[in-house]
N, C-alpha and C. Protein backbone atom coordinates (compact mmCIF):
# COMPACT_ATOMS: atom_id res chain seq x y z
N LEU A 1 35.21 85.85 72.64
CA LEU A 1 36.58 86.20 73.05
C LEU A 1 36.55 87.58 73.72
N ALA A 2 37.07 87.65 74.90
CA ALA A 2 37.07 88.92 75.63
C ALA A 2 38.02 89.92 74.95
N PRO A 3 37.67 91.20 75.00
CA PRO A 3 38.53 92.20 74.34
C PRO A 3 39.86 92.43 75.07
N MET A 4 39.89 92.04 76.36
CA MET A 4 41.10 92.25 77.13
C MET A 4 41.72 90.92 77.55
N LYS A 5 43.04 90.94 77.75
CA LYS A 5 43.74 89.76 78.25
C LYS A 5 44.44 90.18 79.53
N THR A 6 44.45 89.29 80.51
CA THR A 6 45.05 89.63 81.79
C THR A 6 46.49 89.13 81.89
N LEU A 7 47.37 90.03 82.32
CA LEU A 7 48.76 89.67 82.57
C LEU A 7 48.96 89.64 84.08
N VAL A 8 49.72 88.67 84.55
CA VAL A 8 49.99 88.53 85.98
C VAL A 8 51.45 88.88 86.23
N ILE A 9 51.67 89.79 87.15
CA ILE A 9 53.03 90.17 87.52
C ILE A 9 53.28 89.60 88.92
N ASP A 10 54.34 88.83 89.07
CA ASP A 10 54.64 88.22 90.37
C ASP A 10 55.32 89.23 91.30
N ALA A 11 54.62 90.30 91.57
CA ALA A 11 55.07 91.33 92.50
C ALA A 11 53.83 92.07 92.95
N GLY A 12 53.90 92.66 94.11
CA GLY A 12 52.72 93.36 94.60
C GLY A 12 53.07 94.43 95.61
N ARG A 13 52.14 94.69 96.50
CA ARG A 13 52.33 95.75 97.49
C ARG A 13 53.57 95.53 98.35
N GLN A 14 53.89 94.26 98.66
CA GLN A 14 55.07 94.02 99.49
C GLN A 14 56.36 94.37 98.74
N ASP A 15 56.26 94.49 97.41
CA ASP A 15 57.41 94.93 96.60
C ASP A 15 57.32 96.42 96.34
N LYS A 16 56.40 97.10 97.04
CA LYS A 16 56.15 98.54 96.87
C LYS A 16 55.69 98.88 95.46
N LEU A 17 54.99 97.94 94.83
CA LEU A 17 54.50 98.15 93.48
C LEU A 17 53.15 98.85 93.53
N ARG A 18 52.98 99.88 92.71
CA ARG A 18 51.72 100.61 92.65
C ARG A 18 51.17 100.55 91.22
N PRO A 19 49.85 100.71 91.06
CA PRO A 19 49.28 100.70 89.70
C PRO A 19 49.99 101.68 88.76
N GLY A 20 50.37 102.83 89.28
CA GLY A 20 51.06 103.83 88.46
C GLY A 20 52.39 103.34 87.92
N ASP A 21 53.07 102.51 88.69
CA ASP A 21 54.35 101.96 88.25
C ASP A 21 54.16 101.04 87.05
N ILE A 22 53.10 100.23 87.13
CA ILE A 22 52.81 99.29 86.05
C ILE A 22 52.36 100.05 84.81
N LEU A 23 51.49 101.03 85.02
CA LEU A 23 51.01 101.86 83.92
C LEU A 23 52.19 102.55 83.25
N GLY A 24 53.09 103.05 84.06
CA GLY A 24 54.27 103.73 83.53
C GLY A 24 55.15 102.80 82.71
N ALA A 25 55.31 101.58 83.20
CA ALA A 25 56.14 100.60 82.48
C ALA A 25 55.51 100.27 81.12
N LEU A 26 54.19 100.17 81.09
CA LEU A 26 53.50 99.82 79.85
C LEU A 26 53.43 100.99 78.87
N THR A 27 53.15 102.18 79.38
CA THR A 27 53.02 103.32 78.48
C THR A 27 54.39 103.86 78.08
N GLY A 28 55.38 103.69 78.96
CA GLY A 28 56.72 104.17 78.64
C GLY A 28 57.46 103.22 77.73
N ALA A 29 58.11 102.24 78.34
CA ALA A 29 58.97 101.31 77.61
C ALA A 29 58.20 100.46 76.59
N ALA A 30 57.00 100.01 76.95
CA ALA A 30 56.27 99.11 76.06
C ALA A 30 55.54 99.87 74.95
N GLY A 31 55.46 101.18 75.08
CA GLY A 31 54.90 101.99 74.01
C GLY A 31 53.39 101.87 73.82
N LEU A 32 52.66 101.44 74.83
CA LEU A 32 51.21 101.38 74.73
C LEU A 32 50.63 102.72 75.17
N VAL A 33 49.40 102.99 74.77
CA VAL A 33 48.75 104.20 75.26
C VAL A 33 47.82 103.79 76.39
N ALA A 34 47.50 104.71 77.27
CA ALA A 34 46.69 104.41 78.45
C ALA A 34 45.36 103.75 78.10
N ASP A 35 44.81 104.07 76.92
CA ASP A 35 43.53 103.50 76.50
C ASP A 35 43.61 102.00 76.23
N ASP A 36 44.83 101.50 75.98
CA ASP A 36 45.01 100.07 75.69
C ASP A 36 45.04 99.25 76.97
N ILE A 37 45.11 99.93 78.10
CA ILE A 37 45.26 99.25 79.37
C ILE A 37 43.99 99.40 80.20
N GLY A 38 43.52 98.27 80.72
CA GLY A 38 42.30 98.28 81.51
C GLY A 38 42.61 98.35 82.99
N LYS A 39 41.86 97.56 83.75
CA LYS A 39 41.97 97.57 85.20
C LYS A 39 43.31 97.02 85.66
N ILE A 40 43.89 97.68 86.67
CA ILE A 40 45.13 97.21 87.28
C ILE A 40 44.82 96.94 88.75
N ASP A 41 44.99 95.69 89.15
CA ASP A 41 44.76 95.31 90.55
C ASP A 41 46.08 94.91 91.17
N VAL A 42 46.44 95.55 92.26
CA VAL A 42 47.68 95.20 92.96
C VAL A 42 47.32 94.61 94.31
N PHE A 43 47.73 93.36 94.52
CA PHE A 43 47.50 92.68 95.78
C PHE A 43 48.83 92.57 96.52
N ALA A 44 48.86 91.86 97.63
CA ALA A 44 50.07 91.77 98.45
C ALA A 44 51.26 91.22 97.67
N THR A 45 51.06 90.12 96.94
CA THR A 45 52.20 89.50 96.26
C THR A 45 52.05 89.39 94.75
N ARG A 46 50.93 89.86 94.22
CA ARG A 46 50.70 89.76 92.78
C ARG A 46 50.01 91.01 92.26
N ALA A 47 50.17 91.24 90.97
CA ALA A 47 49.45 92.34 90.33
C ALA A 47 48.85 91.81 89.03
N TYR A 48 47.63 92.25 88.73
CA TYR A 48 46.93 91.83 87.52
C TYR A 48 46.66 93.06 86.66
N VAL A 49 46.96 92.94 85.37
CA VAL A 49 46.74 94.05 84.46
C VAL A 49 45.94 93.57 83.27
N ALA A 50 44.88 94.28 82.95
CA ALA A 50 44.10 93.97 81.75
C ALA A 50 44.67 94.79 80.60
N VAL A 51 45.03 94.10 79.51
CA VAL A 51 45.59 94.78 78.34
C VAL A 51 44.78 94.37 77.12
N ARG A 52 44.61 95.30 76.18
CA ARG A 52 43.87 94.99 74.96
C ARG A 52 44.49 93.76 74.31
N ARG A 53 43.62 92.79 73.96
CA ARG A 53 44.08 91.49 73.48
C ARG A 53 45.09 91.57 72.34
N ALA A 54 44.85 92.45 71.40
CA ALA A 54 45.73 92.57 70.23
C ALA A 54 47.16 92.98 70.63
N LEU A 55 47.27 93.66 71.76
CA LEU A 55 48.58 94.16 72.18
C LEU A 55 49.18 93.38 73.35
N ALA A 56 48.46 92.36 73.81
CA ALA A 56 48.88 91.63 75.00
C ALA A 56 50.24 90.97 74.84
N LYS A 57 50.49 90.39 73.66
CA LYS A 57 51.76 89.71 73.43
C LYS A 57 52.93 90.69 73.53
N LYS A 58 52.75 91.85 72.89
CA LYS A 58 53.79 92.88 72.92
C LYS A 58 54.01 93.38 74.36
N ALA A 59 52.92 93.63 75.06
CA ALA A 59 53.01 94.11 76.43
C ALA A 59 53.72 93.09 77.31
N LEU A 60 53.38 91.82 77.12
CA LEU A 60 53.98 90.74 77.89
C LEU A 60 55.48 90.67 77.66
N GLU A 61 55.88 90.72 76.38
CA GLU A 61 57.30 90.65 76.05
C GLU A 61 58.07 91.81 76.65
N ARG A 62 57.47 93.00 76.56
CA ARG A 62 58.14 94.19 77.08
C ARG A 62 58.29 94.14 78.60
N LEU A 63 57.24 93.66 79.28
CA LEU A 63 57.32 93.57 80.74
C LEU A 63 58.31 92.51 81.18
N GLN A 64 58.42 91.43 80.37
CA GLN A 64 59.34 90.36 80.72
C GLN A 64 60.80 90.78 80.54
N THR A 65 61.05 91.59 79.52
CA THR A 65 62.43 92.00 79.24
C THR A 65 62.79 93.30 79.94
N GLY A 66 61.78 94.14 80.19
CA GLY A 66 62.04 95.44 80.80
C GLY A 66 62.01 95.38 82.31
N ARG A 67 61.97 96.55 82.91
CA ARG A 67 61.97 96.65 84.36
C ARG A 67 60.82 97.52 84.84
N ILE A 68 60.35 97.20 86.03
CA ILE A 68 59.34 98.02 86.68
C ILE A 68 60.01 98.54 87.94
N LYS A 69 60.07 99.85 88.10
CA LYS A 69 60.76 100.47 89.24
C LYS A 69 62.20 99.97 89.35
N GLY A 70 62.84 99.79 88.22
CA GLY A 70 64.23 99.38 88.20
C GLY A 70 64.49 97.92 88.51
N ARG A 71 63.40 97.15 88.67
CA ARG A 71 63.56 95.73 88.98
C ARG A 71 62.85 94.85 87.98
N ARG A 72 63.37 93.61 87.86
CA ARG A 72 62.74 92.63 86.98
C ARG A 72 61.76 91.79 87.77
N PHE A 73 60.62 91.51 87.16
CA PHE A 73 59.63 90.65 87.81
C PHE A 73 59.16 89.60 86.81
N ARG A 74 58.69 88.49 87.33
CA ARG A 74 58.13 87.46 86.46
C ARG A 74 56.75 87.91 86.00
N VAL A 75 56.53 87.83 84.70
CA VAL A 75 55.24 88.23 84.14
C VAL A 75 54.74 87.11 83.25
N ARG A 76 53.46 86.79 83.34
CA ARG A 76 52.90 85.77 82.46
C ARG A 76 51.46 86.15 82.12
N ALA A 77 50.98 85.53 81.04
CA ALA A 77 49.59 85.78 80.64
C ALA A 77 48.69 84.80 81.38
N LEU A 78 47.52 85.26 81.72
CA LEU A 78 46.56 84.42 82.44
C LEU A 78 45.67 83.73 81.41
N GLY A 79 45.48 82.43 81.56
CA GLY A 79 44.55 81.72 80.70
C GLY A 79 45.07 81.42 79.33
């Protein structure tokens, strides 16, 4: 079992989303620390975030109910 779980955010560069915005959403509202978050890849229409497996469910729930840059995006777990 991999130590990290990947979350997919249905937003990307075309939504002006940056890795810092995602990190901020997770460390701020979701209450995770930066060490719990792995690689963040932002593509044109999607963003992928690696989160420590034990905290993935919490991170997912917070991203689904919270906002990134003042907007709501669809977030789901990969796999």
